[in-house]
Amino acid sequence: MPYDDHLTTARAELEAARRALQDELRNYPTPVSGCDAQYNHLIGLRGSITAALRALEAPRFVATPRTPDPLAGVESR
């Protein structure tokens, strides 16, 4: 299976997890206090899923001898 197919599957699974988590948060019993550990855990998981989806879409800088850091610019010869 090509790696693109795996990435597509990963995105779809993360989106499904995000929707399921949103449903769980939406249906969480009220009132929610600031010290509700389970609710806070769910909020943390939501952030992790969002970060993972962003990471899949973000371009990655790969250092080379001519561009040792992202701000070095592009050297042309």
Protein backbone atom coordinates (compact mmCIF):
# COMPACT_ATOMS: atom_id res chain seq x y z
CA MET A 1 0.00 0.00 0.00
CA PRO A 2 1.44 3.42 -0.91
CA TYR A 3 2.26 5.74 1.98
CA ASP A 4 -0.33 8.28 0.72
CA ASP A 5 -3.03 5.70 1.40
CA HIS A 6 -1.78 5.31 4.97
CA LEU A 7 -1.81 9.08 5.47
CA THR A 8 -5.36 9.28 4.11
CA THR A 9 -6.39 6.52 6.52
CA ALA A 10 -4.68 8.29 9.42
CA ARG A 11 -6.52 11.55 8.64
CA ALA A 12 -9.85 9.73 8.37
CA GLU A 13 -9.30 7.91 11.67
CA LEU A 14 -8.25 11.09 13.46
CA GLU A 15 -11.31 12.91 12.10
CA ALA A 16 -13.53 10.06 13.29
CA ALA A 17 -11.89 10.19 16.72
CA ARG A 18 -12.39 13.97 16.81
CA ARG A 19 -16.10 13.62 15.99
CA ALA A 20 -16.58 10.90 18.61
CA LEU A 21 -14.79 12.98 21.23
CA GLN A 22 -16.85 16.06 20.35
CA ASP A 23 -20.03 13.98 20.80
CA GLU A 24 -18.79 12.78 24.17
CA LEU A 25 -17.99 16.33 25.25
CA ARG A 26 -21.33 17.59 23.96
CA ASN A 27 -23.19 14.92 25.94
CA TYR A 28 -21.07 15.24 29.08
CA PRO A 29 -23.29 15.71 32.15
CA THR A 30 -23.52 19.24 33.51
CA PRO A 31 -22.47 21.07 35.57
CA VAL A 32 -18.78 20.72 34.87
CA SER A 33 -16.53 21.99 37.59
CA GLY A 34 -12.96 23.13 37.03
CA CYS A 35 -11.68 20.07 38.86
CA ASP A 36 -13.57 17.47 36.80
CA ALA A 37 -10.59 15.28 35.87
CA GLN A 38 -12.43 13.21 33.24
CA TYR A 39 -13.73 16.29 31.42
CA ASN A 40 -10.30 17.92 31.53
CA HIS A 41 -8.78 14.71 30.17
CA LEU A 42 -11.24 14.78 27.24
CA ILE A 43 -10.34 18.41 26.53
CA GLY A 44 -6.65 17.42 26.50
CA LEU A 45 -7.34 14.57 24.09
CA ARG A 46 -9.19 16.97 21.81
CA GLY A 47 -6.07 19.14 21.68
CA SER A 48 -3.89 16.13 20.92
CA ILE A 49 -6.11 15.06 18.02
CA THR A 50 -6.15 18.61 16.63
CA ALA A 51 -2.35 18.78 16.91
CA ALA A 52 -1.98 15.44 15.13
CA LEU A 53 -4.20 16.56 12.26
CA ARG A 54 -2.24 19.79 11.94
CA ALA A 55 1.04 17.86 12.00
CA LEU A 56 -0.09 15.73 9.07
CA GLU A 57 -0.80 18.85 7.02
CA ALA A 58 2.17 21.00 8.04
CA PRO A 59 5.12 21.24 5.68
CA ARG A 60 8.34 19.97 7.20
CA PHE A 61 11.71 21.62 6.97
CA VAL A 62 14.50 19.18 6.23
CA ALA A 63 17.93 20.65 6.84
CA THR A 64 20.56 20.28 4.15
CA PRO A 65 24.14 21.58 4.09
CA ARG A 66 22.98 24.62 2.09
CA THR A 67 19.98 25.42 4.30
CA PRO A 68 20.90 24.51 7.89
CA ASP A 69 17.82 26.20 9.33
CA PRO A 70 14.46 27.44 8.00
CA LEU A 71 15.55 31.09 8.08
CA ALA A 72 18.77 30.55 6.10
CA GLY A 73 17.06 31.22 2.79
CA VAL A 74 17.61 29.34 -0.42
CA GLU A 75 21.04 29.19 -1.95
CA SER A 76 21.18 28.95 -5.69
CA ARG A 77 24.28 28.04 -7.70
